[in-house]
C-alpha atoms as a PDB file:
ATOM      1  CA  MET A   1      13.648  92.900 171.975  1.00  0.00           C
ATOM      2  CA  LYS A   2      13.836  90.536 168.976  1.00  0.00           C
ATOM      3  CA  LYS A   3      16.963  92.323 167.649  1.00  0.00           C
ATOM      4  CA  LYS A   4      18.603  91.995 171.064  1.00  0.00           C
ATOM      5  CA  ILE A   5      17.968  88.235 171.132  1.00  0.00           C
ATOM      6  CA  ILE A   6      19.448  87.811 167.614  1.00  0.00           C
ATOM      7  CA  TRP A   7      22.525  89.805 168.662  1.00  0.00           C
ATOM      8  CA  LEU A   8      23.038  87.602 171.716  1.00  0.00           C
ATOM      9  CA  ILE A   9      22.781  84.485 169.535  1.00  0.00           C
ATOM     10  CA  LEU A  10      25.371  85.862 167.101  1.00  0.00           C
ATOM     11  CA  LEU A  11      27.700  86.598 169.993  1.00  0.00           C
ATOM     12  CA  TYR A  12      27.256  83.087 171.357  1.00  0.00           C
ATOM     13  CA  ILE A  13      28.042  81.263 168.074  1.00  0.00           C
ATOM     14  CA  PRO A  14      31.774  82.128 167.842  1.00  0.00           C
ATOM     15  CA  LEU A  15      32.212  81.567 171.571  1.00  0.00           C
ATOM     16  CA  SER A  16      30.867  78.040 171.250  1.00  0.00           C
ATOM     17  CA  LEU A  17      32.942  77.349 168.127  1.00  0.00           C
ATOM     18  CA  SER A  18      36.140  77.891 170.100  1.00  0.00           C
ATOM     19  CA  ALA A  19      35.276  74.908 172.269  1.00  0.00           C
ATOM     20  CA  GLN A  20      34.451  72.537 169.405  1.00  0.00           C
ATOM     21  CA  VAL A  21      37.838  70.871 168.889  1.00  0.00           C
ATOM     22  CA  ALA A  22      37.294  67.735 166.833  1.00  0.00           C
ATOM     23  CA  THR A  23      40.314  65.502 166.145  1.00  0.00           C
ATOM     24  CA  THR A  24      40.514  62.850 163.435  1.00  0.00           C
ATOM     25  CA  PRO A  25      43.617  60.636 163.869  1.00  0.00           C
ATOM     26  CA  LEU A  26      44.803  59.257 160.514  1.00  0.00           C
ATOM     27  CA  ALA A  27      48.041  57.464 161.362  1.00  0.00           C
ATOM     28  CA  GLY A  28      49.766  57.744 164.723  1.00  0.00           C
ATOM     29  CA  ASP A  29      50.220  61.420 165.549  1.00  0.00           C
ATOM     30  CA  TYR A  30      49.157  62.532 162.066  1.00  0.00           C
ATOM     31  CA  LYS A  31      45.787  64.196 162.542  1.00  0.00           C
ATOM     32  CA  ILE A  32      43.177  66.501 161.098  1.00  0.00           C
ATOM     33  CA  ILE A  33      41.934  68.857 163.804  1.00  0.00           C
ATOM     34  CA  ASP A  34      38.948  71.180 163.668  1.00  0.00           C
ATOM     35  CA  ILE A  35      40.237  73.828 166.063  1.00  0.00           C
ATOM     36  CA  GLY A  36      37.053  75.885 166.086  1.00  0.00           C
ATOM     37  CA  GLY A  37      36.606  79.677 166.099  1.00  0.00           C
ATOM     38  CA  ASN A  38      38.431  82.578 167.678  1.00  0.00           C
ATOM     39  CA  GLY A  39      36.397  82.694 170.861  1.00  0.00           C
ATOM     40  CA  GLY A  40      34.918  86.142 170.388  1.00  0.00           C
ATOM     41  CA  GLY A  41      33.695  86.835 166.873  1.00  0.00           C
ATOM     42  CA  ASP A  42      34.440  90.199 165.252  1.00  0.00           C
ATOM     43  CA  TYR A  43      37.144  92.516 166.670  1.00  0.00           C
ATOM     44  CA  THR A  44      38.891  89.569 168.335  1.00  0.00           C
ATOM     45  CA  ARG A  45      42.578  88.784 168.530  1.00  0.00           C
ATOM     46  CA  ASN A  46      43.433  85.190 169.336  1.00  0.00           C
ATOM     47  CA  LEU A  47      46.266  82.718 169.694  1.00  0.00           C
ATOM     48  CA  ILE A  48      46.334  79.091 168.655  1.00  0.00           C
ATOM     49  CA  LEU A  49      48.287  77.067 171.197  1.00  0.00           C
ATOM     50  CA  LEU A  50      50.451  74.619 169.231  1.00  0.00           C
ATOM     51  CA  HIS A  51      51.928  72.540 172.040  1.00  0.00           C
ATOM     52  CA  GLU A  52      53.570  72.748 175.431  1.00  0.00           C
ATOM     53  CA  MET A  53      57.216  73.844 175.393  1.00  0.00           C
ATOM     54  CA  TYR A  54      60.286  73.629 177.612  1.00  0.00           C
ATOM     55  CA  ASN A  55      60.102  75.974 180.603  1.00  0.00           C
ATOM     56  CA  GLY A  56      62.884  74.924 182.965  1.00  0.00           C
ATOM     57  CA  THR A  57      61.804  71.301 183.463  1.00  0.00           C
ATOM     58  CA  LEU A  58      62.829  68.562 181.025  1.00  0.00           C
ATOM     59  CA  ILE A  59      59.933  67.771 178.712  1.00  0.00           C
ATOM     60  CA  ASN A  60      58.861  64.872 176.505  1.00  0.00           C
ATOM     61  CA  MET A  61      58.487  65.282 172.730  1.00  0.00           C
ATOM     62  CA  ASN A  62      55.941  67.920 171.673  1.00  0.00           C
ATOM     63  CA  LYS A  63      55.533  68.849 168.029  1.00  0.00           C
ATOM     64  CA  ALA A  64      53.440  70.558 165.367  1.00  0.00           C
ATOM     65  CA  ILE A  65      54.453  69.844 161.781  1.00  0.00           C
ATOM     66  CA  GLY A  66      51.724  70.753 159.364  1.00  0.00           C
ATOM     67  CA  THR A  67      49.343  73.452 158.165  1.00  0.00           C
ATOM     68  CA  ILE A  68      46.735  75.668 159.796  1.00  0.00           C
ATOM     69  CA  THR A  69      44.117  77.197 157.505  1.00  0.00           C
ATOM     70  CA  ALA A  70      41.862  80.091 158.536  1.00  0.00           C
ATOM     71  CA  LEU A  71      38.895  80.905 156.298  1.00  0.00           C
ATOM     72  CA  ARG A  72      36.267  83.597 155.989  1.00  0.00           C
ATOM     73  CA  GLY A  73      33.607  83.993 153.336  1.00  0.00           C
ATOM     74  CA  ALA A  74      29.863  84.070 152.783  1.00  0.00           C
ATOM     75  CA  VAL A  75      27.206  85.813 150.707  1.00  0.00           C
ATOM     76  CA  GLY A  76      27.364  88.704 153.152  1.00  0.00           C
ATOM     77  CA  GLY A  77      30.986  88.307 154.276  1.00  0.00           C
ATOM     78  CA  TYR A  78      34.062  89.130 152.203  1.00  0.00           C
ATOM     79  CA  ASN A  79      36.540  86.420 151.246  1.00  0.00           C
ATOM     80  CA  ARG A  80      39.707  85.944 153.307  1.00  0.00           C
ATOM     81  CA  ILE A  81      42.199  83.082 153.572  1.00  0.00           C
ATOM     82  CA  ASN A  82      45.212  82.834 155.883  1.00  0.00           C
ATOM     83  CA  ILE A  83      47.505  79.801 155.794  1.00  0.00           C
ATOM     84  CA  VAL A  84      50.542  79.007 157.905  1.00  0.00           C
ATOM     85  CA  GLU A  85      52.974  76.094 157.561  1.00  0.00           C
ATOM     86  CA  ILE A  86      54.432  75.154 160.931  1.00  0.00           C
ATOM     87  CA  ASN A  87      57.592  73.252 161.802  1.00  0.00           C
ATOM     88  CA  SER A  88      58.055  73.169 165.569  1.00  0.00           C
ATOM     89  CA  SER A  89      59.080  70.858 168.350  1.00  0.00           C
ATOM     90  CA  SER A  90      59.989  71.020 172.012  1.00  0.00           C
ATOM     91  CA  ALA A  91      61.696  68.215 173.897  1.00  0.00           C
ATOM     92  CA  TYR A  92      64.308  67.751 176.613  1.00  0.00           C
ATOM     93  CA  ASN A  93      65.456  71.345 177.248  1.00  0.00           C
ATOM     94  CA  SER A  94      64.954  73.220 173.981  1.00  0.00           C
ATOM     95  CA  THR A  95      62.383  74.444 171.481  1.00  0.00           C
ATOM     96  CA  ALA A  96      62.841  74.838 167.733  1.00  0.00           C
ATOM     97  CA  ALA A  97      60.324  76.480 165.426  1.00  0.00           C
ATOM     98  CA  THR A  98      59.820  78.243 162.149  1.00  0.00           C
ATOM     99  CA  ILE A  99      56.756  79.165 160.096  1.00  0.00           C
ATOM    100  CA  ARG A 100      55.910  80.125 156.518  1.00  0.00           C
ATOM    101  CA  SER A 101      52.640  81.880 155.784  1.00  0.00           C
ATOM    102  CA  ILE A 102      50.422  82.860 152.896  1.00  0.00           C
ATOM    103  CA  ASP A 103      48.222  85.820 153.705  1.00  0.00           C
ATOM    104  CA  GLY A 104      46.052  88.398 152.063  1.00  0.00           C
ATOM    105  CA  SER A 105      46.694  91.088 154.667  1.00  0.00           C
ATOM    106  CA  SER A 106      48.519  90.747 157.992  1.00  0.00           C
ATOM    107  CA  SER A 107      50.817  87.813 158.768  1.00  0.00           C
ATOM    108  CA  TRP A 108      51.008  84.972 161.280  1.00  0.00           C
ATOM    109  CA  THR A 109      53.642  85.348 163.991  1.00  0.00           C
ATOM    110  CA  LEU A 110      55.165  82.946 166.501  1.00  0.00           C
ATOM    111  CA  LYS A 111      54.453  83.595 170.175  1.00  0.00           C
ATOM    112  CA  THR A 112      55.009  82.053 173.575  1.00  0.00           C
ATOM    113  CA  CYS A 113      52.554  82.351 176.450  1.00  0.00           C
ATOM    114  CA  ILE A 114      51.561  80.930 179.799  1.00  0.00           C
ATOM    115  CA  TYR A 115      48.205  79.142 179.767  1.00  0.00           C
ATOM    116  CA  ASN A 116      46.837  77.550 182.944  1.00  0.00           C
ATOM    117  CA  GLY A 117      50.328  77.574 184.452  1.00  0.00           C
ATOM    118  CA  LYS A 118      52.090  75.902 181.502  1.00  0.00           C
ATOM    119  CA  LYS A 119      54.261  77.513 178.836  1.00  0.00           C
ATOM    120  CA  TYR A 120      53.144  77.084 175.230  1.00  0.00           C
ATOM    121  CA  LEU A 121      54.400  77.781 171.769  1.00  0.00           C
ATOM    122  CA  ALA A 122      51.624  79.496 169.818  1.00  0.00           C
ATOM    123  CA  VAL A 123      50.796  81.374 166.641  1.00  0.00           C
ATOM    124  CA  ASP A 124      49.089  84.758 166.605  1.00  0.00           C
ATOM    125  CA  VAL A 125      46.259  84.628 164.053  1.00  0.00           C
ATOM    126  CA  PRO A 126      46.326  87.416 161.403  1.00  0.00           C
ATOM    127  CA  TYR A 127      43.891  90.065 162.620  1.00  0.00           C
ATOM    128  CA  SER A 128      41.028  91.730 160.826  1.00  0.00           C
ATOM    129  CA  ASP A 129      37.940  93.339 162.356  1.00  0.00           C
ATOM    130  CA  ALA A 130      35.821  90.644 160.698  1.00  0.00           C
ATOM    131  CA  TYR A 131      36.545  87.202 162.142  1.00  0.00           C
ATOM    132  CA  HIS A 132      37.220  83.903 160.317  1.00  0.00           C
ATOM    133  CA  ASN A 133      33.647  82.593 160.296  1.00  0.00           C
ATOM    134  CA  TRP A 134      34.755  79.113 159.120  1.00  0.00           C
ATOM    135  CA  GLY A 135      37.245  78.842 161.972  1.00  0.00           C
ATOM    136  CA  PHE A 136      40.621  77.113 161.899  1.00  0.00           C
ATOM    137  CA  LYS A 137      41.679  73.673 160.660  1.00  0.00           C
ATOM    138  CA  PHE A 138      44.993  71.876 161.218  1.00  0.00           C
ATOM    139  CA  SER A 139      46.370  68.928 159.292  1.00  0.00           C
ATOM    140  CA  GLY A 140      49.702  67.371 160.143  1.00  0.00           C
ATOM    141  CA  TRP A 141      51.785  65.574 162.686  1.00  0.00           C
ATOM    142  CA  THR A 142      51.199  66.876 166.203  1.00  0.00           C
ATOM    143  CA  ASN A 143      51.054  65.980 169.889  1.00  0.00           C
ATOM    144  CA  SER A 144      51.412  67.833 173.167  1.00  0.00           C
ATOM    145  CA  THR A 145      51.909  67.028 176.834  1.00  0.00           C
ATOM    146  CA  GLY A 146      49.433  69.851 177.502  1.00  0.00           C
ATOM    147  CA  GLU A 147      46.879  71.571 175.286  1.00  0.00           C
ATOM    148  CA  ASN A 148      47.151  70.824 171.578  1.00  0.00           C
ATOM    149  CA  MET A 149      45.833  73.108 168.806  1.00  0.00           C
ATOM    150  CA  LYS A 150      43.614  75.174 171.079  1.00  0.00           C
ATOM    151  CA  SER A 151      42.291  78.608 170.091  1.00  0.00           C
ATOM    152  CA  ILE A 152      42.007  81.208 172.824  1.00  0.00           C
ATOM    153  CA  ALA A 153      41.114  84.886 172.550  1.00  0.00           C
ATOM    154  CA  TYR A 154      43.302  87.436 174.317  1.00  0.00           C
ATOM    155  CA  MET A 155      41.649  90.695 173.223  1.00  0.00           C
ATOM    156  CA  ILE A 156      38.111  91.671 172.176  1.00  0.00           C
ATOM    157  CA  ASN A 157      37.212  95.203 171.132  1.00  0.00           C
ATOM    158  CA  GLY A 158      40.576  96.415 172.435  1.00  0.00           C
ATOM    159  CA  ALA A 159      40.054  94.950 175.921  1.00  0.00           C
ATOM    160  CA  SER A 160      42.137  92.062 177.292  1.00  0.00           C
ATOM    161  CA  VAL A 161      40.218  88.837 177.957  1.00  0.00           C
ATOM    162  CA  ASN A 162      40.976  85.428 179.512  1.00  0.00           C
ATOM    163  CA  THR A 163      43.607  87.039 181.725  1.00  0.00           C
ATOM    164  CA  ASP A 164      42.770  84.546 184.479  1.00  0.00           C
ATOM    165  CA  VAL A 165      44.225  81.689 182.409  1.00  0.00           C
ATOM    166  CA  LEU A 166      46.391  83.423 179.763  1.00  0.00           C
ATOM    167  CA  SER A 167      49.416  85.621 180.432  1.00  0.00           C
ATOM    168  CA  ASP A 168      52.945  86.622 179.412  1.00  0.00           C
ATOM    169  CA  ILE A 169      52.429  86.647 175.634  1.00  0.00           C
ATOM    170  CA  GLN A 170      55.856  87.156 174.034  1.00  0.00           C
ATOM    171  CA  ASP A 171      57.376  87.070 170.558  1.00  0.00           C
ATOM    172  CA  PHE A 172      59.300  83.915 169.636  1.00  0.00           C
ATOM    173  CA  SER A 173      62.172  84.329 167.181  1.00  0.00           C
ATOM    174  CA  ALA A 174      62.300  81.548 164.614  1.00  0.00           C
ATOM    175  CA  ASN A 175      65.491  79.534 165.188  1.00  0.00           C
ATOM    176  CA  MET A 176      65.508  77.025 162.323  1.00  0.00           C
ATOM    177  CA  SER A 177      67.193  77.360 158.929  1.00  0.00           C
ATOM    178  CA  GLU A 178      65.537  76.876 155.565  1.00  0.00           C
ATOM    179  CA  THR A 179      67.619  75.923 152.521  1.00  0.00           C
ATOM    180  CA  HIS A 180      66.494  75.997 148.892  1.00  0.00           C
ATOM    181  CA  LEU A 181      68.583  74.086 146.360  1.00  0.00           C
ATOM    182  CA  VAL A 182      66.800  75.220 143.222  1.00  0.00           C
ATOM    183  CA  ASN A 183      67.580  76.388 139.719  1.00  0.00           C
ATOM    184  CA  ASN A 184      65.550  79.587 140.046  1.00  0.00           C
ATOM    185  CA  PHE A 185      64.266  81.356 143.145  1.00  0.00           C
ATOM    186  CA  SER A 186      61.595  84.060 142.956  1.00  0.00           C
ATOM    187  CA  ILE A 187      59.960  86.207 145.590  1.00  0.00           C
ATOM    188  CA  MET A 188      56.734  87.741 144.378  1.00  0.00           C
ATOM    189  CA  GLY A 189      55.775  90.879 146.223  1.00  0.00           C
ATOM    190  CA  ASN A 190      56.529  94.528 146.709  1.00  0.00           C
ATOM    191  CA  LYS A 191      59.393  94.323 149.184  1.00  0.00           C
ATOM    192  CA  VAL A 192      61.982  91.817 150.420  1.00  0.00           C
ATOM    193  CA  GLY A 193      63.684  92.002 153.790  1.00  0.00           C
ATOM    194  CA  ILE A 194      66.849  90.198 154.884  1.00  0.00           C
ATOM    195  CA  GLY A 195      67.659  90.459 158.562  1.00  0.00           C
ATOM    196  CA  THR A 196      64.563  92.583 159.151  1.00  0.00           C
ATOM    197  CA  THR A 197      60.810  92.059 159.255  1.00  0.00           C
ATOM    198  CA  SER A 198      60.025  95.624 158.229  1.00  0.00           C
ATOM    199  CA  PRO A 199      61.697  96.387 154.877  1.00  0.00           C
ATOM    200  CA  ASP A 200      61.236  99.966 153.707  1.00  0.00           C
ATOM    201  CA  GLU A 201      62.482  99.468 150.131  1.00  0.00           C
ATOM    202  CA  LYS A 202      62.234  96.791 147.426  1.00  0.00           C
ATOM    203  CA  LEU A 203      65.210  95.101 149.146  1.00  0.00           C
ATOM    204  CA  THR A 204      66.190  95.927 152.711  1.00  0.00           C
ATOM    205  CA  VAL A 205      69.232  94.209 154.222  1.00  0.00           C
ATOM    206  CA  LYS A 206      70.119  94.628 157.874  1.00  0.00           C
ATOM    207  CA  GLY A 207      73.773  93.648 158.028  1.00  0.00           C
ATOM    208  CA  LYS A 208      76.776  93.330 155.735  1.00  0.00           C
ATOM    209  CA  ILE A 209      76.646  92.434 152.042  1.00  0.00           C
ATOM    210  CA  HIS A 210      79.450  90.409 150.467  1.00  0.00           C
ATOM    211  CA  THR A 211      79.550  90.539 146.689  1.00  0.00           C
ATOM    212  CA  GLN A 212      82.022  90.758 143.822  1.00  0.00           C
ATOM    213  CA  GLU A 213      80.404  93.707 142.081  1.00  0.00           C
ATOM    214  CA  VAL A 214      77.491  96.114 142.370  1.00  0.00           C
ATOM    215  CA  ARG A 215      75.913  97.659 139.278  1.00  0.00           C
ATOM    216  CA  VAL A 216      73.846 100.825 139.647  1.00  0.00           C
ATOM    217  CA  ASP A 217      71.688 101.997 136.749  1.00  0.00           C
ATOM    218  CA  MET A 218      71.993 105.768 136.582  1.00  0.00           C
ATOM    219  CA  LEU A 219      68.326 106.711 136.302  1.00  0.00           C
ATOM    220  CA  GLY A 220      68.547 109.062 139.253  1.00  0.00           C
ATOM    221  CA  PRO A 221      71.471 111.390 139.994  1.00  0.00           C
ATOM    222  CA  LEU A 222      72.969 113.019 136.886  1.00  0.00           C
ATOM    223  CA  VAL A 223      76.546 112.016 136.014  1.00  0.00           C
ATOM    224  CA  PRO A 224      78.424 115.294 136.632  1.00  0.00           C
ATOM    225  CA  ASP A 225      80.331 115.546 133.336  1.00  0.00           C
ATOM    226  CA  TYR A 226      78.771 119.012 133.040  1.00  0.00           C
ATOM    227  CA  VAL A 227      81.640 120.127 135.271  1.00  0.00           C
ATOM    228  CA  PHE A 228      83.845 120.072 132.147  1.00  0.00           C
ATOM    229  CA  ALA A 229      81.496 122.317 130.143  1.00  0.00           C
ATOM    230  CA  ASN A 230      82.913 125.692 129.148  1.00  0.00           C
ATOM    231  CA  ASP A 231      80.155 127.603 130.943  1.00  0.00           C
ATOM    232  CA  TYR A 232      80.531 125.715 134.252  1.00  0.00           C
ATOM    233  CA  LYS A 233      81.229 128.140 137.088  1.00  0.00           C
ATOM    234  CA  LEU A 234      83.906 126.581 139.260  1.00  0.00           C
ATOM    235  CA  LYS A 235      84.073 127.959 142.787  1.00  0.00           C
ATOM    236  CA  SER A 236      87.312 129.615 143.698  1.00  0.00           C
ATOM    237  CA  LEU A 237      89.511 127.873 146.242  1.00  0.00           C
ATOM    238  CA  GLU A 238      88.907 130.822 148.559  1.00  0.00           C
ATOM    239  CA  GLU A 239      85.156 130.184 148.381  1.00  0.00           C
ATOM    240  CA  VAL A 240      85.655 126.495 149.099  1.00  0.00           C
ATOM    241  CA  GLU A 241      87.966 127.329 152.008  1.00  0.00           C
ATOM    242  CA  ASN A 242      85.393 129.708 153.505  1.00  0.00           C
ATOM    243  CA  TYR A 243      82.602 127.122 153.141  1.00  0.00           C
ATOM    244  CA  ILE A 244      84.691 124.407 154.843  1.00  0.00           C
ATOM    245  CA  TYR A 245      85.613 126.818 157.645  1.00  0.00           C
ATOM    246  CA  GLU A 246      81.934 127.635 158.290  1.00  0.00           C
ATOM    247  CA  ASN A 247      80.323 124.188 157.734  1.00  0.00           C
ATOM    248  CA  LYS A 248      83.111 121.671 158.450  1.00  0.00           C
ATOM    249  CA  HIS A 249      82.347 119.629 155.300  1.00  0.00           C
ATOM    250  CA  LEU A 250      82.659 119.997 151.529  1.00  0.00           C
ATOM    251  CA  PRO A 251      79.993 121.855 149.541  1.00  0.00           C
ATOM    252  CA  GLU A 252      77.231 119.567 148.214  1.00  0.00           C
ATOM    253  CA  ILE A 253      78.411 116.704 150.456  1.00  0.00           C
ATOM    254  CA  PRO A 254      76.144 115.805 153.405  1.00  0.00           C
ATOM    255  CA  SER A 255      77.521 116.337 156.878  1.00  0.00           C
ATOM    256  CA  ALA A 256      78.261 113.506 159.311  1.00  0.00           C
ATOM    257  CA  GLN A 257      75.093 114.366 161.237  1.00  0.00           C
ATOM    258  CA  GLU A 258      72.954 114.176 158.072  1.00  0.00           C
ATOM    259  CA  ILE A 259      74.412 110.780 157.140  1.00  0.00           C
ATOM    260  CA  GLU A 260      73.848 109.440 160.657  1.00  0.00           C
ATOM    261  CA  LYS A 261      70.224 110.619 160.532  1.00  0.00           C
ATOM    262  CA  ASN A 262      69.232 109.772 156.941  1.00  0.00           C
ATOM    263  CA  GLY A 263      71.731 107.111 155.892  1.00  0.00           C
ATOM    264  CA  LEU A 264      74.007 107.157 152.856  1.00  0.00           C
ATOM    265  CA  MET A 265      72.524 107.142 149.357  1.00  0.00           C
ATOM    266  CA  LEU A 266      75.184 105.205 147.468  1.00  0.00           C
ATOM    267  CA  ALA A 267      74.455 106.362 143.899  1.00  0.00           C
ATOM    268  CA  GLU A 268      73.934 109.981 144.944  1.00  0.00           C
ATOM    269  CA  MET A 269      77.082 110.012 147.075  1.00  0.00           C
ATOM    270  CA  ASN A 270      79.191 108.424 144.320  1.00  0.00           C
ATOM    271  CA  MET A 271      78.037 111.108 141.876  1.00  0.00           C
ATOM    272  CA  SER A 272      78.766 113.839 144.418  1.00  0.00           C
ATOM    273  CA  LEU A 273      82.253 112.432 145.013  1.00  0.00           C
ATOM    274  CA  LEU A 274      82.818 112.112 141.257  1.00  0.00           C
ATOM    275  CA  LYS A 275      81.848 115.766 140.869  1.00  0.00           C
ATOM    276  CA  LYS A 276      84.376 116.735 143.542  1.00  0.00           C
ATOM    277  CA  ILE A 277      87.069 114.671 141.804  1.00  0.00           C
ATOM    278  CA  GLU A 278      86.278 116.380 138.498  1.00  0.00           C
ATOM    279  CA  GLU A 279      86.386 119.802 140.156  1.00  0.00           C
ATOM    280  CA  LEU A 280      89.650 118.835 141.857  1.00  0.00           C
ATOM    281  CA  THR A 281      91.031 117.857 138.451  1.00  0.00           C
ATOM    282  CA  LEU A 282      90.137 121.313 137.110  1.00  0.00           C
ATOM    283  CA  TYR A 283      91.833 122.941 140.095  1.00  0.00           C
ATOM    284  CA  MET A 284      94.960 120.857 139.430  1.00  0.00           C
ATOM    285  CA  ILE A 285      94.945 121.812 135.742  1.00  0.00           C
ATOM    286  CA  GLU A 286      94.672 125.490 136.681  1.00  0.00           C
ATOM    287  CA  MET A 287      97.427 125.106 139.257  1.00  0.00           C
ATOM    288  CA  LYS A 288      99.630 123.383 136.666  1.00  0.00           C
ATOM    289  CA  LYS A 289      99.123 126.312 134.296  1.00  0.00           C
ATOM    290  CA  GLU A 290      99.960 128.758 137.053  1.00  0.00           C
ATOM    291  CA  ASN A 291     103.024 126.714 137.970  1.00  0.00           C
ATOM    292  CA  GLU A 292     104.181 126.755 134.311  1.00  0.00           C
ATOM    293  CA  ILE A 293     103.822 130.544 134.199  1.00  0.00           C
ATOM    294  CA  GLN A 294     105.704 130.908 137.472  1.00  0.00           C
ATOM    295  CA  LYS A 295     108.363 128.489 136.242  1.00  0.00           C
ATOM    296  CA  ASN A 296     108.876 130.548 133.073  1.00  0.00           C
ATOM    297  CA  LEU A 297     109.070 133.747 135.088  1.00  0.00           C
ATOM    298  CA  ILE A 298     111.598 132.210 137.457  1.00  0.00           C
ATOM    299  CA  GLU A 299     113.714 130.978 134.527  1.00  0.00           C
ATOM    300  CA  LYS A 300     113.679 134.450 132.965  1.00  0.00           C
ATOM    301  CA  GLN A 301     114.577 136.013 136.287  1.00  0.00           C
ATOM    302  CA  ASN A 302     117.418 133.514 136.721  1.00  0.00           C
ATOM    303  CA  ASP A 303     118.704 134.342 133.228  1.00  0.00           C
ATOM    304  CA  LYS A 304     118.658 138.058 134.069  1.00  0.00           C
ATOM    305  CA  ILE A 305     120.413 137.422 137.364  1.00  0.00           C
ATOM    306  CA  LEU A 306     123.096 135.366 135.614  1.00  0.00           C
ATOM    307  CA  ASP A 307     123.499 138.059 132.978  1.00  0.00           C
ATOM    308  CA  LEU A 308     123.793 140.761 135.616  1.00  0.00           C
ATOM    309  CA  ASP A 309     126.243 138.678 137.578  1.00  0.00           C
ATOM    310  CA  LYS A 310     128.375 138.200 134.444  1.00  0.00           C
ATOM    311  CA  LYS A 311     128.390 141.936 133.709  1.00  0.00           C
ATOM    312  CA  LEU A 312     129.255 142.725 137.320  1.00  0.00           C
ATOM    313  CA  ASN A 313     132.246 140.365 137.189  1.00  0.00           C
ATOM    314  CA  GLN A 314     133.452 141.985 133.977  1.00  0.00           C
ATOM    315  CA  ILE A 315     133.256 145.428 135.573  1.00  0.00           C
ATOM    316  CA  LEU A 316     135.166 144.273 138.620  1.00  0.00           C
ATOM    317  CA  LYS A 317     137.925 142.723 136.457  1.00  0.00           C
ATOM    318  CA  SER A 318     138.363 145.892 134.388  1.00  0.00           C
ATOM    319  CA  LYS A 319     139.242 147.960 137.457  1.00  0.00           C
END
């Protein structure tokens, strides 16, 4: 019975934290806001409503320009810090927003939602099974014609909650530009994505690349100069012809279907094409030799024909 009472108390603490929104105005709309907790404790996913946003009716200025910090840590709770810098506003008939985050695991994302009949711009708090026991704090310039810096849970233990007041949670694509005029620019991390939020290599670019030159260090595919070695076995043209007839592409070159499925490995493909050029050069050298032999034979045959023709004319004249 005693354990059950303690468990109920622990459940109640984070629920009450979500309601404790304390605002300290510093100058005008510049404030420090204690947003509270996530509204559910462990295994809880929650949004922080930033401000009301345009939803078909002209709206007065709403904004959130500042930083939200989420903290976890205690003697018996591991350390976690999640920080997001927000630049957002909604007025008249548009909304503009972008965020930058510093995270130890998952990342903040921008969302829109309907809360109590109004549309809001929000951030989705980085999730972990263990909740931010110190809650969320905002510092910056903010105001809203509706709720302002309010935390609300939308899922606990995999089950949707607060569906009577919260609905239509959607992704919001950042629509502001960020420019860095710096001497040096560094991105520290394992992977960088441009045009994508899910890079699968050190640098992943979704779109076209415009550059003057690309340098590839050949630490992977072997440069095929071995084609010119004396012991290299060059396929006959008949073998190549048969392969093309059966497979509809060159030997050792991926098919169109393979490229569509797996993409094009630039360094590997360049080496494969270089190998084919080198092999083609060998074929041309062999053909040149054959042509020289045929040319000599033709010249000898022409000389014999001319000689025979001369002798035939002499015979005809002697009669």
